[in-house]
C-alpha atoms as a PDB file:
ATOM      1  CA  MET A   1      -0.012   0.352  -0.264  1.00  0.00           C
ATOM      2  CA  PHE A   2       1.461   3.278  -1.073  1.00  0.00           C
ATOM      3  CA  PHE A   3       0.333   6.922   0.598  1.00  0.00           C
ATOM      4  CA  ASP A   4       1.109  10.530  -0.533  1.00  0.00           C
ATOM      5  CA  ILE A   5       1.787  11.655   3.042  1.00  0.00           C
ATOM      6  CA  HIS A   6       1.473  14.947   1.495  1.00  0.00           C
ATOM      7  CA  VAL A   7      -0.494  16.475  -1.636  1.00  0.00           C
ATOM      8  CA  HIS A   8      -1.841  20.145  -2.777  1.00  0.00           C
ATOM      9  CA  ALA A   9      -4.678  20.731  -5.347  1.00  0.00           C
ATOM     10  CA  TYR A  10      -7.049  22.955  -6.180  1.00  0.00           C
ATOM     11  CA  SER A  11     -10.670  22.708  -6.790  1.00  0.00           C
ATOM     12  CA  ALA A  12     -10.851  24.704 -10.300  1.00  0.00           C
ATOM     13  CA  VAL A  13      -8.114  26.027 -12.586  1.00  0.00           C
ATOM     14  CA  CYS A  14      -6.318  28.368 -10.570  1.00  0.00           C
ATOM     15  CA  PRO A  15      -3.153  30.607 -12.505  1.00  0.00           C
ATOM     16  CA  PRO A  16       0.127  30.322 -11.608  1.00  0.00           C
ATOM     17  CA  ALA A  17       0.612  32.820  -9.275  1.00  0.00           C
ATOM     18  CA  ASP A  18       4.502  32.727 -10.028  1.00  0.00           C
ATOM     19  CA  GLY A  19       4.418  32.310 -13.520  1.00  0.00           C
ATOM     20  CA  ARG A  20       5.777  28.536 -13.456  1.00  0.00           C
ATOM     21  CA  ILE A  21       4.153  26.827 -10.980  1.00  0.00           C
ATOM     22  CA  GLN A  22       0.516  25.746 -11.789  1.00  0.00           C
ATOM     23  CA  PHE A  23      -1.022  23.401  -9.277  1.00  0.00           C
ATOM     24  CA  ALA A  24      -3.127  20.372 -10.128  1.00  0.00           C
ATOM     25  CA  MET A  25      -6.578  20.140  -9.760  1.00  0.00           C
ATOM     26  CA  GLN A  26      -8.513  17.422  -7.573  1.00  0.00           C
ATOM     27  CA  GLU A  27      -9.624  15.365 -10.510  1.00  0.00           C
ATOM     28  CA  GLU A  28      -5.910  15.507 -11.745  1.00  0.00           C
ATOM     29  CA  VAL A  29      -4.369  14.188  -8.493  1.00  0.00           C
ATOM     30  CA  VAL A  30      -7.025  11.160  -8.553  1.00  0.00           C
ATOM     31  CA  GLN A  31      -6.013  10.097 -11.928  1.00  0.00           C
ATOM     32  CA  ARG A  32      -1.818  10.417 -10.921  1.00  0.00           C
ATOM     33  CA  HIS A  33      -2.739   8.218  -7.650  1.00  0.00           C
ATOM     34  CA  GLU A  34      -4.748   5.183  -9.762  1.00  0.00           C
ATOM     35  CA  GLU A  35      -1.833   5.340 -12.484  1.00  0.00           C
ATOM     36  CA  LEU A  36       0.569   4.710  -9.803  1.00  0.00           C
ATOM     37  CA  GLY A  37      -1.356   2.759  -7.434  1.00  0.00           C
ATOM     38  CA  ILE A  38      -1.411   5.169  -4.780  1.00  0.00           C
ATOM     39  CA  GLU A  39      -4.633   4.273  -2.132  1.00  0.00           C
ATOM     40  CA  GLY A  40      -4.361   7.389  -0.289  1.00  0.00           C
ATOM     41  CA  GLY A  41      -3.169  10.925   0.079  1.00  0.00           C
ATOM     42  CA  CYS A  42      -3.071  13.453   2.595  1.00  0.00           C
ATOM     43  CA  LEU A  43      -4.805  17.020   0.873  1.00  0.00           C
ATOM     44  CA  VAL A  44      -2.961  19.772   2.223  1.00  0.00           C
ATOM     45  CA  PRO A  45      -4.334  23.309   1.749  1.00  0.00           C
ATOM     46  CA  LEU A  46      -2.302  26.377   0.467  1.00  0.00           C
ATOM     47  CA  SER A  47      -1.648  29.052   2.753  1.00  0.00           C
ATOM     48  CA  GLY A  48       1.082  31.355   1.654  1.00  0.00           C
ATOM     49  CA  PRO A  49      -1.258  34.083  -0.251  1.00  0.00           C
ATOM     50  CA  GLU A  50       1.707  36.545  -0.669  1.00  0.00           C
ATOM     51  CA  VAL A  51       2.873  33.346  -2.935  1.00  0.00           C
ATOM     52  CA  TYR A  52      -0.693  31.241  -4.015  1.00  0.00           C
ATOM     53  CA  PRO A  53      -3.926  32.240  -4.079  1.00  0.00           C
ATOM     54  CA  PRO A  54      -4.729  30.804  -0.305  1.00  0.00           C
ATOM     55  CA  GLN A  55      -7.094  27.579  -0.006  1.00  0.00           C
ATOM     56  CA  SER A  56      -9.540  26.645   2.956  1.00  0.00           C
ATOM     57  CA  GLY A  57      -9.906  23.865   4.922  1.00  0.00           C
ATOM     58  CA  GLU A  58     -13.349  23.686   3.884  1.00  0.00           C
ATOM     59  CA  GLU A  59     -12.437  23.427  -0.077  1.00  0.00           C
ATOM     60  CA  CYS A  60      -9.996  20.583   0.908  1.00  0.00           C
ATOM     61  CA  LEU A  61     -12.649  18.547   3.082  1.00  0.00           C
ATOM     62  CA  GLY A  62     -15.201  19.173  -0.094  1.00  0.00           C
ATOM     63  CA  MET A  63     -11.733  17.813  -2.702  1.00  0.00           C
ATOM     64  CA  CYS A  64     -12.204  14.916  -0.317  1.00  0.00           C
ATOM     65  CA  GLU A  65     -15.874  13.913  -0.268  1.00  0.00           C
ATOM     66  CA  ARG A  66     -16.349  15.112  -3.769  1.00  0.00           C
ATOM     67  CA  SER A  67     -13.615  12.399  -4.768  1.00  0.00           C
ATOM     68  CA  GLY A  68     -15.196   9.684  -2.382  1.00  0.00           C
ATOM     69  CA  GLY A  69     -12.323  10.190   0.434  1.00  0.00           C
ATOM     70  CA  VAL A  70     -12.235  10.566   3.938  1.00  0.00           C
ATOM     71  CA  GLY A  71     -12.729  13.890   5.185  1.00  0.00           C
END
């Protein structure tokens, strides 16, 4: 069993704040996990508003619920 201990994702497309880094959307993370045989992951909210658009814990919990994961 493989478990991703630290992953970031947005629930909607978000422009790269620094012009380079594009965070994955929830569906992309789930697809990649399936491709690699990863059974679960710990979704961590982004909280550096000086660099990236901030993200709430509620957004992360919503993504978990929509993907069938545990909140």
